[in-house]
Amino acid sequence: MMVETTSDVRRDRVRYPRAFVRRAASVTRQPAATQVVTEADLDGLPGAAVRYLRFMDVVGAPRTGSLLAAAHGRFRMRPDGRWMACRAWQLNTLLPVRRLFHMRLRLAPGIAMTGWDTYADGQGRMRGTLFGAIPVASGTGPRFAASELVTWLNDAVLLAPGMLADPAVRFGEDPDPDWFRVEVTDGGRTVAARVQVDENGAPQDFWTDDRYADLPGGLVRARWHTPIDSWTVADGRPVPIGAKAVWQLTGGPFMYAELEFDEVVLDPATLHRQDR
């Protein structure tokens, strides 16, 4: 997988919804780390993991304590459903492990659905509303917690690899030399994934069996993966292009999201706010 380069992939001053800024302000974040990742931190890691960490320019960079990102793209609710334009914003932290994800879907002209996926204190929660007030979906419990925690791991692998340099994260060998295993433990729960990299170490895919699909018949544990089309460079760091989210269901693969990142900020000092 070749790495494309550009000076910047950001749009003109990315702004965030007021509701997201209010909730993000309440998320506890440790100060940005000053300790850097060294060559010694790579000792004993699988070869594919070492290639990956070098590709992501982790060595010599400070360990990451938090991640802020904004994206746009399209989303659909079911395999035969229509695609809807979406925007998404998120904040992830390492100490403590937390994830705040907010999405806005354009169902029709003048009609929007908003969703919140959160992970905090070992608990996962999902909530969706119409017009920001009418509940249309909600859920919590161990399955949501596992799903949110492994999604936090996915975010770290693709966007904030400096978060992986922590005792809560463990790397492992995979039978295939172009894959490595990675897991994170939080709140007494461990979730795991396999990551595929190319010859340069660029992630090509992330696979996990620790996520639950919200299907018409209820939550179903299913294989989930996030293939990456290619990579670019923004602010001196690799950033994925063409991120997708796909369920491997009994009836076949179900790709339900395609996203492009407008902004990826490590250890953000402040959030920008939009007026509406």
C-alpha atoms as a PDB file:
ATOM      1  CA  MET A   1       0.000   0.000   0.000  1.00  0.00           C
ATOM      2  CA  MET A   2       1.633   3.242  -1.111  1.00  0.00           C
ATOM      3  CA  VAL A   3       1.514   6.300   1.108  1.00  0.00           C
ATOM      4  CA  GLU A   4       0.213   9.425  -0.555  1.00  0.00           C
ATOM      5  CA  THR A   5       1.482  12.737   0.748  1.00  0.00           C
ATOM      6  CA  THR A   6      -0.107  16.135   1.134  1.00  0.00           C
ATOM      7  CA  SER A   7       0.629  19.141   3.262  1.00  0.00           C
ATOM      8  CA  ASP A   8      -2.696  19.042   5.056  1.00  0.00           C
ATOM      9  CA  VAL A   9      -5.987  17.139   4.878  1.00  0.00           C
ATOM     10  CA  ARG A  10      -7.857  19.515   7.174  1.00  0.00           C
ATOM     11  CA  ARG A  11     -10.680  21.695   5.984  1.00  0.00           C
ATOM     12  CA  ASP A  12     -10.938  25.359   6.918  1.00  0.00           C
ATOM     13  CA  ARG A  13     -11.088  25.327  10.709  1.00  0.00           C
ATOM     14  CA  VAL A  14     -13.141  22.263  11.606  1.00  0.00           C
ATOM     15  CA  ARG A  15     -15.886  23.127  14.055  1.00  0.00           C
ATOM     16  CA  TYR A  16     -17.779  20.916  16.494  1.00  0.00           C
ATOM     17  CA  PRO A  17     -21.449  20.875  17.587  1.00  0.00           C
ATOM     18  CA  ARG A  18     -22.189  22.632  20.856  1.00  0.00           C
ATOM     19  CA  ALA A  19     -23.725  19.466  22.307  1.00  0.00           C
ATOM     20  CA  PHE A  20     -20.500  17.573  21.605  1.00  0.00           C
ATOM     21  CA  VAL A  21     -18.331  20.345  23.066  1.00  0.00           C
ATOM     22  CA  ARG A  22     -20.405  20.402  26.258  1.00  0.00           C
ATOM     23  CA  ARG A  23     -20.099  16.654  26.769  1.00  0.00           C
ATOM     24  CA  ALA A  24     -16.434  16.578  25.774  1.00  0.00           C
ATOM     25  CA  ALA A  25     -15.677  19.242  28.376  1.00  0.00           C
ATOM     26  CA  SER A  26     -16.799  16.828  31.103  1.00  0.00           C
ATOM     27  CA  VAL A  27     -14.474  14.027  29.943  1.00  0.00           C
ATOM     28  CA  THR A  28     -11.533  13.669  32.309  1.00  0.00           C
ATOM     29  CA  ARG A  29      -8.221  13.849  30.471  1.00  0.00           C
ATOM     30  CA  GLN A  30      -4.712  13.479  31.799  1.00  0.00           C
ATOM     31  CA  PRO A  31      -2.209  16.131  30.672  1.00  0.00           C
ATOM     32  CA  ALA A  32      -0.394  15.368  27.442  1.00  0.00           C
ATOM     33  CA  ALA A  33       2.396  12.890  28.048  1.00  0.00           C
ATOM     34  CA  THR A  34       6.018  14.016  27.836  1.00  0.00           C
ATOM     35  CA  GLN A  35       7.539  10.520  27.818  1.00  0.00           C
ATOM     36  CA  VAL A  36       8.383   9.447  24.284  1.00  0.00           C
ATOM     37  CA  VAL A  37       8.176   6.011  22.686  1.00  0.00           C
ATOM     38  CA  THR A  38      11.675   4.575  22.282  1.00  0.00           C
ATOM     39  CA  GLU A  39      13.318   1.737  20.390  1.00  0.00           C
ATOM     40  CA  ALA A  40      13.343  -0.211  23.649  1.00  0.00           C
ATOM     41  CA  ASP A  41       9.539  -0.174  23.644  1.00  0.00           C
ATOM     42  CA  LEU A  42       9.626  -2.241  20.433  1.00  0.00           C
ATOM     43  CA  ASP A  43      11.767  -4.994  21.915  1.00  0.00           C
ATOM     44  CA  GLY A  44       9.978  -8.346  21.870  1.00  0.00           C
ATOM     45  CA  LEU A  45       7.060  -7.181  19.729  1.00  0.00           C
ATOM     46  CA  PRO A  46       5.929  -9.170  16.678  1.00  0.00           C
ATOM     47  CA  GLY A  47       7.657  -8.169  13.448  1.00  0.00           C
ATOM     48  CA  ALA A  48       4.399  -6.950  11.865  1.00  0.00           C
ATOM     49  CA  ALA A  49       3.697  -4.775  14.925  1.00  0.00           C
ATOM     50  CA  VAL A  50       7.180  -3.261  14.735  1.00  0.00           C
ATOM     51  CA  ARG A  51       6.657  -2.447  11.021  1.00  0.00           C
ATOM     52  CA  TYR A  52       3.320  -0.888  11.888  1.00  0.00           C
ATOM     53  CA  LEU A  53       4.673   1.297  14.703  1.00  0.00           C
ATOM     54  CA  ARG A  54       7.545   2.498  12.534  1.00  0.00           C
ATOM     55  CA  PHE A  55       5.171   3.310   9.661  1.00  0.00           C
ATOM     56  CA  MET A  56       2.990   5.300  12.055  1.00  0.00           C
ATOM     57  CA  ASP A  57       6.059   7.301  13.202  1.00  0.00           C
ATOM     58  CA  VAL A  58       5.513   6.393  16.830  1.00  0.00           C
ATOM     59  CA  VAL A  59       9.185   5.981  17.763  1.00  0.00           C
ATOM     60  CA  GLY A  60      10.551   9.259  19.110  1.00  0.00           C
ATOM     61  CA  ALA A  61       7.090  10.792  19.472  1.00  0.00           C
ATOM     62  CA  PRO A  62       5.336  11.479  22.805  1.00  0.00           C
ATOM     63  CA  ARG A  63       2.884   8.893  24.064  1.00  0.00           C
ATOM     64  CA  THR A  64      -0.659   9.968  23.258  1.00  0.00           C
ATOM     65  CA  GLY A  65      -3.201  10.640  25.996  1.00  0.00           C
ATOM     66  CA  SER A  66      -6.215  11.755  23.952  1.00  0.00           C
ATOM     67  CA  LEU A  67      -7.575  11.868  20.418  1.00  0.00           C
ATOM     68  CA  LEU A  68      -9.968  14.326  18.796  1.00  0.00           C
ATOM     69  CA  ALA A  69     -11.329  13.661  15.308  1.00  0.00           C
ATOM     70  CA  ALA A  70     -13.978  14.868  12.881  1.00  0.00           C
ATOM     71  CA  ALA A  71     -15.178  13.044   9.772  1.00  0.00           C
ATOM     72  CA  HIS A  72     -17.797  13.072   7.041  1.00  0.00           C
ATOM     73  CA  GLY A  73     -19.174  10.362   4.798  1.00  0.00           C
ATOM     74  CA  ARG A  74     -22.192   8.122   4.443  1.00  0.00           C
ATOM     75  CA  PHE A  75     -24.012   5.569   6.592  1.00  0.00           C
ATOM     76  CA  ARG A  76     -26.857   3.078   6.275  1.00  0.00           C
ATOM     77  CA  MET A  77     -28.907   1.124   8.802  1.00  0.00           C
ATOM     78  CA  ARG A  78     -29.320  -2.232   7.016  1.00  0.00           C
ATOM     79  CA  PRO A  79     -27.851  -4.108   4.033  1.00  0.00           C
ATOM     80  CA  ASP A  80     -30.693  -3.100   1.708  1.00  0.00           C
ATOM     81  CA  GLY A  81     -31.049   0.395   3.185  1.00  0.00           C
ATOM     82  CA  ARG A  82     -30.240   3.608   1.390  1.00  0.00           C
ATOM     83  CA  TRP A  83     -27.085   5.548   2.095  1.00  0.00           C
ATOM     84  CA  MET A  84     -27.421   8.737   4.152  1.00  0.00           C
ATOM     85  CA  ALA A  85     -24.963  11.596   4.443  1.00  0.00           C
ATOM     86  CA  CYS A  86     -23.360  11.784   7.862  1.00  0.00           C
ATOM     87  CA  ARG A  87     -20.952  13.792   9.957  1.00  0.00           C
ATOM     88  CA  ALA A  88     -19.163  12.466  13.028  1.00  0.00           C
ATOM     89  CA  TRP A  89     -17.092  13.834  15.882  1.00  0.00           C
ATOM     90  CA  GLN A  90     -15.243  11.967  18.620  1.00  0.00           C
ATOM     91  CA  LEU A  91     -12.992  12.285  21.637  1.00  0.00           C
ATOM     92  CA  ASN A  92     -11.031   9.315  23.031  1.00  0.00           C
ATOM     93  CA  THR A  93      -8.839   9.258  26.137  1.00  0.00           C
ATOM     94  CA  LEU A  94      -6.343   6.768  27.526  1.00  0.00           C
ATOM     95  CA  LEU A  95      -6.281   7.586  31.252  1.00  0.00           C
ATOM     96  CA  PRO A  96      -9.015   6.768  31.933  1.00  0.00           C
ATOM     97  CA  VAL A  97     -10.081   4.776  28.850  1.00  0.00           C
ATOM     98  CA  ARG A  98     -13.063   6.679  27.456  1.00  0.00           C
ATOM     99  CA  ARG A  99     -14.754   7.200  24.114  1.00  0.00           C
ATOM    100  CA  LEU A 100     -17.290   9.861  23.165  1.00  0.00           C
ATOM    101  CA  PHE A 101     -18.661   9.509  19.625  1.00  0.00           C
ATOM    102  CA  HIS A 102     -21.380  11.718  18.132  1.00  0.00           C
ATOM    103  CA  MET A 103     -22.953  11.276  14.686  1.00  0.00           C
ATOM    104  CA  ARG A 104     -25.517  13.232  12.721  1.00  0.00           C
ATOM    105  CA  LEU A 105     -27.416  11.508   9.887  1.00  0.00           C
ATOM    106  CA  ARG A 106     -29.416  13.350   7.241  1.00  0.00           C
ATOM    107  CA  LEU A 107     -32.539  11.180   6.870  1.00  0.00           C
ATOM    108  CA  ALA A 108     -34.309  13.629   4.537  1.00  0.00           C
ATOM    109  CA  PRO A 109     -34.313  17.367   3.869  1.00  0.00           C
ATOM    110  CA  GLY A 110     -34.878  19.028   7.248  1.00  0.00           C
ATOM    111  CA  ILE A 111     -34.918  15.683   9.117  1.00  0.00           C
ATOM    112  CA  ALA A 112     -31.851  14.567  11.046  1.00  0.00           C
ATOM    113  CA  MET A 113     -31.064  11.743  13.426  1.00  0.00           C
ATOM    114  CA  THR A 114     -28.326  12.111  15.994  1.00  0.00           C
ATOM    115  CA  GLY A 115     -26.545   9.315  17.790  1.00  0.00           C
ATOM    116  CA  TRP A 116     -24.200   8.991  20.753  1.00  0.00           C
ATOM    117  CA  ASP A 117     -21.893   6.032  21.424  1.00  0.00           C
ATOM    118  CA  THR A 118     -20.019   6.258  24.711  1.00  0.00           C
ATOM    119  CA  TYR A 119     -17.612   4.227  26.797  1.00  0.00           C
ATOM    120  CA  ALA A 120     -16.711   5.319  30.330  1.00  0.00           C
ATOM    121  CA  ASP A 121     -15.932   3.601  33.621  1.00  0.00           C
ATOM    122  CA  GLY A 122     -16.139   0.187  31.962  1.00  0.00           C
ATOM    123  CA  GLN A 123     -19.670   0.834  30.669  1.00  0.00           C
ATOM    124  CA  GLY A 124     -20.875   1.193  27.073  1.00  0.00           C
ATOM    125  CA  ARG A 125     -23.981   3.022  25.970  1.00  0.00           C
ATOM    126  CA  MET A 126     -25.751   3.845  22.701  1.00  0.00           C
ATOM    127  CA  ARG A 127     -28.528   6.412  22.188  1.00  0.00           C
ATOM    128  CA  GLY A 128     -30.230   7.758  19.049  1.00  0.00           C
ATOM    129  CA  THR A 129     -32.778  10.548  18.692  1.00  0.00           C
ATOM    130  CA  LEU A 130     -34.778  12.340  16.014  1.00  0.00           C
ATOM    131  CA  PHE A 131     -34.624  16.140  16.044  1.00  0.00           C
ATOM    132  CA  GLY A 132     -32.304  15.788  19.039  1.00  0.00           C
ATOM    133  CA  ALA A 133     -35.221  14.947  21.342  1.00  0.00           C
ATOM    134  CA  ILE A 134     -37.313  11.936  20.248  1.00  0.00           C
ATOM    135  CA  PRO A 135     -35.677   8.642  21.331  1.00  0.00           C
ATOM    136  CA  VAL A 136     -35.455   6.060  18.548  1.00  0.00           C
ATOM    137  CA  ALA A 137     -32.695   3.748  19.819  1.00  0.00           C
ATOM    138  CA  SER A 138     -30.911   3.033  23.081  1.00  0.00           C
ATOM    139  CA  GLY A 139     -28.880   0.330  24.729  1.00  0.00           C
ATOM    140  CA  THR A 140     -26.412  -0.429  27.473  1.00  0.00           C
ATOM    141  CA  GLY A 141     -24.875  -3.448  29.162  1.00  0.00           C
ATOM    142  CA  PRO A 142     -21.859  -5.787  28.779  1.00  0.00           C
ATOM    143  CA  ARG A 143     -22.283  -6.286  25.021  1.00  0.00           C
ATOM    144  CA  PHE A 144     -22.323  -2.565  24.381  1.00  0.00           C
ATOM    145  CA  ALA A 145     -19.300  -2.185  26.660  1.00  0.00           C
ATOM    146  CA  ALA A 146     -17.328  -4.798  24.706  1.00  0.00           C
ATOM    147  CA  SER A 147     -18.334  -3.215  21.394  1.00  0.00           C
ATOM    148  CA  GLU A 148     -17.320   0.271  22.490  1.00  0.00           C
ATOM    149  CA  LEU A 149     -14.040  -0.873  24.015  1.00  0.00           C
ATOM    150  CA  VAL A 150     -12.925  -2.716  20.870  1.00  0.00           C
ATOM    151  CA  THR A 151     -13.958   0.318  18.796  1.00  0.00           C
ATOM    152  CA  TRP A 152     -11.719   2.413  21.073  1.00  0.00           C
ATOM    153  CA  LEU A 153      -8.928  -0.049  20.202  1.00  0.00           C
ATOM    154  CA  ASN A 154      -9.696   0.342  16.487  1.00  0.00           C
ATOM    155  CA  ASP A 155      -9.508   4.132  16.798  1.00  0.00           C
ATOM    156  CA  ALA A 156      -6.144   3.866  18.551  1.00  0.00           C
ATOM    157  CA  VAL A 157      -4.674   1.528  15.936  1.00  0.00           C
ATOM    158  CA  LEU A 158      -5.739   3.683  12.991  1.00  0.00           C
ATOM    159  CA  LEU A 159      -5.575   7.215  14.408  1.00  0.00           C
ATOM    160  CA  ALA A 160      -3.621   7.369  17.666  1.00  0.00           C
ATOM    161  CA  PRO A 161      -0.989   4.608  17.848  1.00  0.00           C
ATOM    162  CA  GLY A 162       0.781   6.411  20.684  1.00  0.00           C
ATOM    163  CA  MET A 163      -2.129   5.290  22.883  1.00  0.00           C
ATOM    164  CA  LEU A 164      -1.000   1.689  22.455  1.00  0.00           C
ATOM    165  CA  ALA A 165       2.229   2.268  24.400  1.00  0.00           C
ATOM    166  CA  ASP A 166       0.474   1.496  27.664  1.00  0.00           C
ATOM    167  CA  PRO A 167       0.445  -1.520  30.020  1.00  0.00           C
ATOM    168  CA  ALA A 168      -3.279  -2.017  29.324  1.00  0.00           C
ATOM    169  CA  VAL A 169      -2.431  -2.898  25.705  1.00  0.00           C
ATOM    170  CA  ARG A 170      -0.702  -6.122  24.678  1.00  0.00           C
ATOM    171  CA  PHE A 171       0.650  -7.148  21.283  1.00  0.00           C
ATOM    172  CA  GLY A 172       0.858 -10.772  20.161  1.00  0.00           C
ATOM    173  CA  GLU A 173       2.177 -12.887  17.311  1.00  0.00           C
ATOM    174  CA  ASP A 174      -0.116 -14.027  14.502  1.00  0.00           C
ATOM    175  CA  PRO A 175       0.494 -17.122  12.322  1.00  0.00           C
ATOM    176  CA  ASP A 176       0.535 -14.819   9.285  1.00  0.00           C
ATOM    177  CA  PRO A 177       3.682 -12.618   9.213  1.00  0.00           C
ATOM    178  CA  ASP A 178       1.689  -9.709   7.763  1.00  0.00           C
ATOM    179  CA  TRP A 179      -0.695  -9.658  10.721  1.00  0.00           C
ATOM    180  CA  PHE A 180      -0.339  -9.004  14.434  1.00  0.00           C
ATOM    181  CA  ARG A 181      -2.677  -9.386  17.365  1.00  0.00           C
ATOM    182  CA  VAL A 182      -3.512  -6.629  19.827  1.00  0.00           C
ATOM    183  CA  GLU A 183      -5.735  -6.475  22.887  1.00  0.00           C
ATOM    184  CA  VAL A 184      -6.735  -3.969  25.539  1.00  0.00           C
ATOM    185  CA  THR A 185      -8.014  -4.564  29.054  1.00  0.00           C
ATOM    186  CA  ASP A 186     -10.204  -2.107  30.952  1.00  0.00           C
ATOM    187  CA  GLY A 187     -12.782  -2.470  33.693  1.00  0.00           C
ATOM    188  CA  GLY A 188     -12.008  -6.173  34.023  1.00  0.00           C
ATOM    189  CA  ARG A 189     -12.855  -6.760  30.346  1.00  0.00           C
ATOM    190  CA  THR A 190     -10.408  -7.720  27.565  1.00  0.00           C
ATOM    191  CA  VAL A 191     -11.130  -7.338  23.856  1.00  0.00           C
ATOM    192  CA  ALA A 192      -8.854  -8.361  21.006  1.00  0.00           C
ATOM    193  CA  ALA A 193      -8.269  -7.852  17.297  1.00  0.00           C
ATOM    194  CA  ARG A 194      -6.012  -8.812  14.400  1.00  0.00           C
ATOM    195  CA  VAL A 195      -4.374  -6.109  12.292  1.00  0.00           C
ATOM    196  CA  GLN A 196      -3.123  -6.619   8.735  1.00  0.00           C
ATOM    197  CA  VAL A 197      -0.245  -4.483   7.450  1.00  0.00           C
ATOM    198  CA  ASP A 198       1.524  -4.168   4.101  1.00  0.00           C
ATOM    199  CA  GLU A 199       5.250  -4.439   3.475  1.00  0.00           C
ATOM    200  CA  ASN A 200       5.751  -0.881   4.737  1.00  0.00           C
ATOM    201  CA  GLY A 201       3.725  -1.466   7.904  1.00  0.00           C
ATOM    202  CA  ALA A 202       0.673   0.516   6.755  1.00  0.00           C
ATOM    203  CA  PRO A 203      -2.522  -0.939   8.274  1.00  0.00           C
ATOM    204  CA  GLN A 204      -4.777  -2.461   5.647  1.00  0.00           C
ATOM    205  CA  ASP A 205      -7.445  -3.984   7.865  1.00  0.00           C
ATOM    206  CA  PHE A 206      -8.548  -4.477  11.483  1.00  0.00           C
ATOM    207  CA  TRP A 207     -10.590  -7.572  12.357  1.00  0.00           C
ATOM    208  CA  THR A 208     -12.356  -8.443  15.620  1.00  0.00           C
ATOM    209  CA  ASP A 209     -14.919 -10.925  16.924  1.00  0.00           C
ATOM    210  CA  ASP A 210     -15.588  -8.861  20.074  1.00  0.00           C
ATOM    211  CA  ARG A 211     -18.260  -6.572  18.634  1.00  0.00           C
ATOM    212  CA  TYR A 212     -22.047  -6.949  18.510  1.00  0.00           C
ATOM    213  CA  ALA A 213     -24.239  -5.999  15.556  1.00  0.00           C
ATOM    214  CA  ASP A 214     -27.558  -4.343  16.375  1.00  0.00           C
ATOM    215  CA  LEU A 215     -29.820  -6.365  14.054  1.00  0.00           C
ATOM    216  CA  PRO A 216     -33.658  -6.501  13.862  1.00  0.00           C
ATOM    217  CA  GLY A 217     -33.624  -9.653  15.999  1.00  0.00           C
ATOM    218  CA  GLY A 218     -31.379  -8.085  18.643  1.00  0.00           C
ATOM    219  CA  LEU A 219     -27.668  -7.916  19.362  1.00  0.00           C
ATOM    220  CA  VAL A 220     -25.612 -10.574  17.567  1.00  0.00           C
ATOM    221  CA  ARG A 221     -21.896 -11.171  18.026  1.00  0.00           C
ATOM    222  CA  ALA A 222     -20.389 -10.907  14.549  1.00  0.00           C
ATOM    223  CA  ARG A 223     -17.032 -10.400  12.886  1.00  0.00           C
ATOM    224  CA  TRP A 224     -16.357  -6.717  12.234  1.00  0.00           C
ATOM    225  CA  HIS A 225     -13.591  -5.112  10.233  1.00  0.00           C
ATOM    226  CA  THR A 226     -12.433  -1.740   8.953  1.00  0.00           C
ATOM    227  CA  PRO A 227     -10.535  -1.964   5.642  1.00  0.00           C
ATOM    228  CA  ILE A 228      -8.458   1.066   4.647  1.00  0.00           C
ATOM    229  CA  ASP A 229      -8.105   2.179   1.013  1.00  0.00           C
ATOM    230  CA  SER A 230      -4.847   4.109   1.389  1.00  0.00           C
ATOM    231  CA  TRP A 231      -2.917   6.527   3.597  1.00  0.00           C
ATOM    232  CA  THR A 232      -1.939  10.175   3.422  1.00  0.00           C
ATOM    233  CA  VAL A 233       0.188  12.406   5.645  1.00  0.00           C
ATOM    234  CA  ALA A 234      -1.267  15.286   7.654  1.00  0.00           C
ATOM    235  CA  ASP A 235       0.738  17.394  10.092  1.00  0.00           C
ATOM    236  CA  GLY A 236       3.589  14.948   9.642  1.00  0.00           C
ATOM    237  CA  ARG A 237       1.526  11.892  10.679  1.00  0.00           C
ATOM    238  CA  PRO A 238      -0.041   9.069   8.647  1.00  0.00           C
ATOM    239  CA  VAL A 239      -3.834   9.361   8.372  1.00  0.00           C
ATOM    240  CA  PRO A 240      -6.147   6.798   6.701  1.00  0.00           C
ATOM    241  CA  ILE A 241      -8.088   7.572   3.539  1.00  0.00           C
ATOM    242  CA  GLY A 242     -11.322   5.781   2.702  1.00  0.00           C
ATOM    243  CA  ALA A 243     -12.064   4.150   6.061  1.00  0.00           C
ATOM    244  CA  LYS A 244     -14.950   1.660   5.950  1.00  0.00           C
ATOM    245  CA  ALA A 245     -16.848  -0.358   8.567  1.00  0.00           C
ATOM    246  CA  VAL A 246     -18.113  -3.812   7.579  1.00  0.00           C
ATOM    247  CA  TRP A 247     -20.041  -6.571   9.354  1.00  0.00           C
ATOM    248  CA  GLN A 248     -19.511 -10.160   8.227  1.00  0.00           C
ATOM    249  CA  LEU A 249     -23.043 -11.524   8.629  1.00  0.00           C
ATOM    250  CA  THR A 250     -24.576 -14.897   7.806  1.00  0.00           C
ATOM    251  CA  GLY A 251     -26.073 -13.474   4.623  1.00  0.00           C
ATOM    252  CA  GLY A 252     -22.790 -11.915   3.519  1.00  0.00           C
ATOM    253  CA  PRO A 253     -20.758  -8.763   4.185  1.00  0.00           C
ATOM    254  CA  PHE A 254     -22.641  -5.603   5.194  1.00  0.00           C
ATOM    255  CA  MET A 255     -20.674  -2.381   4.704  1.00  0.00           C
ATOM    256  CA  TYR A 256     -22.564   0.251   6.642  1.00  0.00           C
ATOM    257  CA  ALA A 257     -20.181   3.219   6.894  1.00  0.00           C
ATOM    258  CA  GLU A 258     -17.660   5.044   4.714  1.00  0.00           C
ATOM    259  CA  LEU A 259     -15.773   7.952   6.274  1.00  0.00           C
ATOM    260  CA  GLU A 260     -13.121  10.499   5.385  1.00  0.00           C
ATOM    261  CA  PHE A 261     -11.386  12.372   8.180  1.00  0.00           C
ATOM    262  CA  ASP A 262     -11.510  16.164   8.205  1.00  0.00           C
ATOM    263  CA  GLU A 263      -9.261  16.465  11.228  1.00  0.00           C
ATOM    264  CA  VAL A 264      -7.249  14.211  13.544  1.00  0.00           C
ATOM    265  CA  VAL A 265      -5.698  15.931  16.561  1.00  0.00           C
ATOM    266  CA  LEU A 266      -3.600  14.226  19.223  1.00  0.00           C
ATOM    267  CA  ASP A 267      -3.731  15.610  22.772  1.00  0.00           C
ATOM    268  CA  PRO A 268      -5.948  18.582  21.809  1.00  0.00           C
ATOM    269  CA  ALA A 269      -5.748  21.649  24.021  1.00  0.00           C
ATOM    270  CA  THR A 270      -9.173  23.038  23.089  1.00  0.00           C
ATOM    271  CA  LEU A 271     -12.245  22.299  20.972  1.00  0.00           C
ATOM    272  CA  HIS A 272     -13.708  24.547  18.302  1.00  0.00           C
ATOM    273  CA  ARG A 273     -17.461  25.113  18.448  1.00  0.00           C
ATOM    274  CA  GLN A 274     -19.989  25.747  15.741  1.00  0.00           C
ATOM    275  CA  ASP A 275     -22.842  28.175  16.227  1.00  0.00           C
ATOM    276  CA  ARG A 276     -25.758  25.824  15.839  1.00  0.00           C
END
